[in-house]
Structure formats: C-alpha cells, structure tokens
Amino acid sequence: MKQKYVCPKCGSTNYETDEIRTAGGNFSKLFNIQNKKFFAVSCTKCYYTELYKGTTGKLGNILDFFTN
C-alpha cells in the first residue's frame, strides 16, 4: 500500500521529488565521482525538505567517472 505524503512541518500534502548525487570520501572527491545518491522530497507550500539515502550501481559510478 502506497503511503500519502504529509509534510511534518505544515501538514500540506503537495510535494516535489528530486534526485541528488554527491561525492563521498577522498578518492571520489579527488576524481569527482558522485557515488552517493539521495532522494529529496520537498513540500511545495513551506519548502521543508527531507533527504532519503538511495543506492548507486557500479555501472553508474563507472559512467560518472568517464563522463566528468
């Protein structure tokens, strides 16, 4: 069963989602490999945002290395 989003700050049920990738660790910062993935859920009324950690695949990390 899919849960309906309710903003914990203002109670609104309207939201936007986005994906964020960041570098983690010295090696990945040195080579600009964004191997950390997060999902952001932002309330469209008060802009409160929550981040949820995602998983990245090895193929995506390799492609990121060659495309940067």
C-alpha atoms as a PDB file:
ATOM      1  CA  MET A   1       0.000   0.000   0.000  1.00  0.00           C
ATOM      2  CA  LYS A   2       1.413   3.380  -1.039  1.00  0.00           C
ATOM      3  CA  GLN A   3       1.604   5.971   1.733  1.00  0.00           C
ATOM      4  CA  LYS A   4       0.444   9.525   1.101  1.00  0.00           C
ATOM      5  CA  TYR A   5       2.998  12.246   1.888  1.00  0.00           C
ATOM      6  CA  VAL A   6       2.119  14.730   4.618  1.00  0.00           C
ATOM      7  CA  CYS A   7       4.612  17.484   5.432  1.00  0.00           C
ATOM      8  CA  PRO A   8       5.658  17.154   9.089  1.00  0.00           C
ATOM      9  CA  LYS A   9       6.113  20.936   9.340  1.00  0.00           C
ATOM     10  CA  CYS A  10       2.918  22.420   7.845  1.00  0.00           C
ATOM     11  CA  GLY A  11       0.671  19.408   7.102  1.00  0.00           C
ATOM     12  CA  SER A  12       0.444  20.012   3.341  1.00  0.00           C
ATOM     13  CA  THR A  13       0.100  17.002   1.019  1.00  0.00           C
ATOM     14  CA  ASN A  14       1.655  18.708  -2.050  1.00  0.00           C
ATOM     15  CA  TYR A  15       5.282  17.877  -2.751  1.00  0.00           C
ATOM     16  CA  GLU A  16       8.024  17.588  -5.381  1.00  0.00           C
ATOM     17  CA  THR A  17      10.750  14.956  -5.604  1.00  0.00           C
ATOM     18  CA  ASP A  18      14.296  15.166  -6.932  1.00  0.00           C
ATOM     19  CA  GLU A  19      17.487  13.119  -7.039  1.00  0.00           C
ATOM     20  CA  ILE A  20      20.806  14.371  -5.662  1.00  0.00           C
ATOM     21  CA  ARG A  21      24.240  12.813  -6.246  1.00  0.00           C
ATOM     22  CA  THR A  22      27.302  13.718  -4.194  1.00  0.00           C
ATOM     23  CA  ALA A  23      30.916  12.635  -3.853  1.00  0.00           C
ATOM     24  CA  GLY A  24      31.817  10.725  -0.724  1.00  0.00           C
ATOM     25  CA  GLY A  25      35.316  10.032   0.550  1.00  0.00           C
ATOM     26  CA  ASN A  26      38.694  11.400  -0.524  1.00  0.00           C
ATOM     27  CA  PHE A  27      39.171   9.215  -3.614  1.00  0.00           C
ATOM     28  CA  SER A  28      35.787  10.082  -5.076  1.00  0.00           C
ATOM     29  CA  LYS A  29      36.285  13.786  -4.304  1.00  0.00           C
ATOM     30  CA  LEU A  30      39.690  13.728  -5.987  1.00  0.00           C
ATOM     31  CA  PHE A  31      38.281  12.203  -9.189  1.00  0.00           C
ATOM     32  CA  ASN A  32      34.849  13.887  -8.872  1.00  0.00           C
ATOM     33  CA  ILE A  33      32.976  10.564  -8.714  1.00  0.00           C
ATOM     34  CA  GLN A  34      29.497  11.113  -7.343  1.00  0.00           C
ATOM     35  CA  ASN A  35      28.918   7.749  -5.708  1.00  0.00           C
ATOM     36  CA  LYS A  36      26.343   8.806  -3.105  1.00  0.00           C
ATOM     37  CA  LYS A  37      22.702   9.086  -4.144  1.00  0.00           C
ATOM     38  CA  PHE A  38      19.866  10.738  -2.234  1.00  0.00           C
ATOM     39  CA  PHE A  39      16.209  11.404  -2.940  1.00  0.00           C
ATOM     40  CA  ALA A  40      14.739  14.728  -1.842  1.00  0.00           C
ATOM     41  CA  VAL A  41      11.072  15.235  -1.013  1.00  0.00           C
ATOM     42  CA  SER A  42      10.167  18.932  -0.756  1.00  0.00           C
ATOM     43  CA  CYS A  43       6.892  20.425   0.409  1.00  0.00           C
ATOM     44  CA  THR A  44       5.624  22.890  -2.213  1.00  0.00           C
ATOM     45  CA  LYS A  45       3.943  25.053   0.436  1.00  0.00           C
ATOM     46  CA  CYS A  46       6.674  25.662   3.060  1.00  0.00           C
ATOM     47  CA  TYR A  47       9.701  24.178   1.178  1.00  0.00           C
ATOM     48  CA  TYR A  48      10.604  21.823   4.030  1.00  0.00           C
ATOM     49  CA  THR A  49      12.838  19.129   2.503  1.00  0.00           C
ATOM     50  CA  GLU A  50      13.713  15.618   3.654  1.00  0.00           C
ATOM     51  CA  LEU A  51      16.574  13.558   2.189  1.00  0.00           C
ATOM     52  CA  TYR A  52      16.449   9.785   1.849  1.00  0.00           C
ATOM     53  CA  LYS A  53      19.526   7.739   1.060  1.00  0.00           C
ATOM     54  CA  GLY A  54      19.414   5.719  -2.152  1.00  0.00           C
ATOM     55  CA  THR A  55      21.707   3.139  -3.690  1.00  0.00           C
ATOM     56  CA  THR A  56      24.017   3.544  -6.658  1.00  0.00           C
ATOM     57  CA  GLY A  57      25.087   0.856  -9.065  1.00  0.00           C
ATOM     58  CA  LYS A  58      28.680   0.149 -10.037  1.00  0.00           C
ATOM     59  CA  LEU A  59      27.893   0.811 -13.704  1.00  0.00           C
ATOM     60  CA  GLY A  60      26.583   4.283 -12.855  1.00  0.00           C
ATOM     61  CA  ASN A  61      29.745   5.039 -10.882  1.00  0.00           C
ATOM     62  CA  ILE A  62      31.928   3.923 -13.805  1.00  0.00           C
ATOM     63  CA  LEU A  63      29.957   6.031 -16.286  1.00  0.00           C
ATOM     64  CA  ASP A  64      30.164   9.010 -13.931  1.00  0.00           C
ATOM     65  CA  PHE A  65      33.954   8.609 -13.768  1.00  0.00           C
ATOM     66  CA  PHE A  66      34.338   8.689 -17.572  1.00  0.00           C
ATOM     67  CA  THR A  67      31.820  11.468 -18.243  1.00  0.00           C
ATOM     68  CA  ASN A  68      33.224  14.037 -15.764  1.00  0.00           C
END
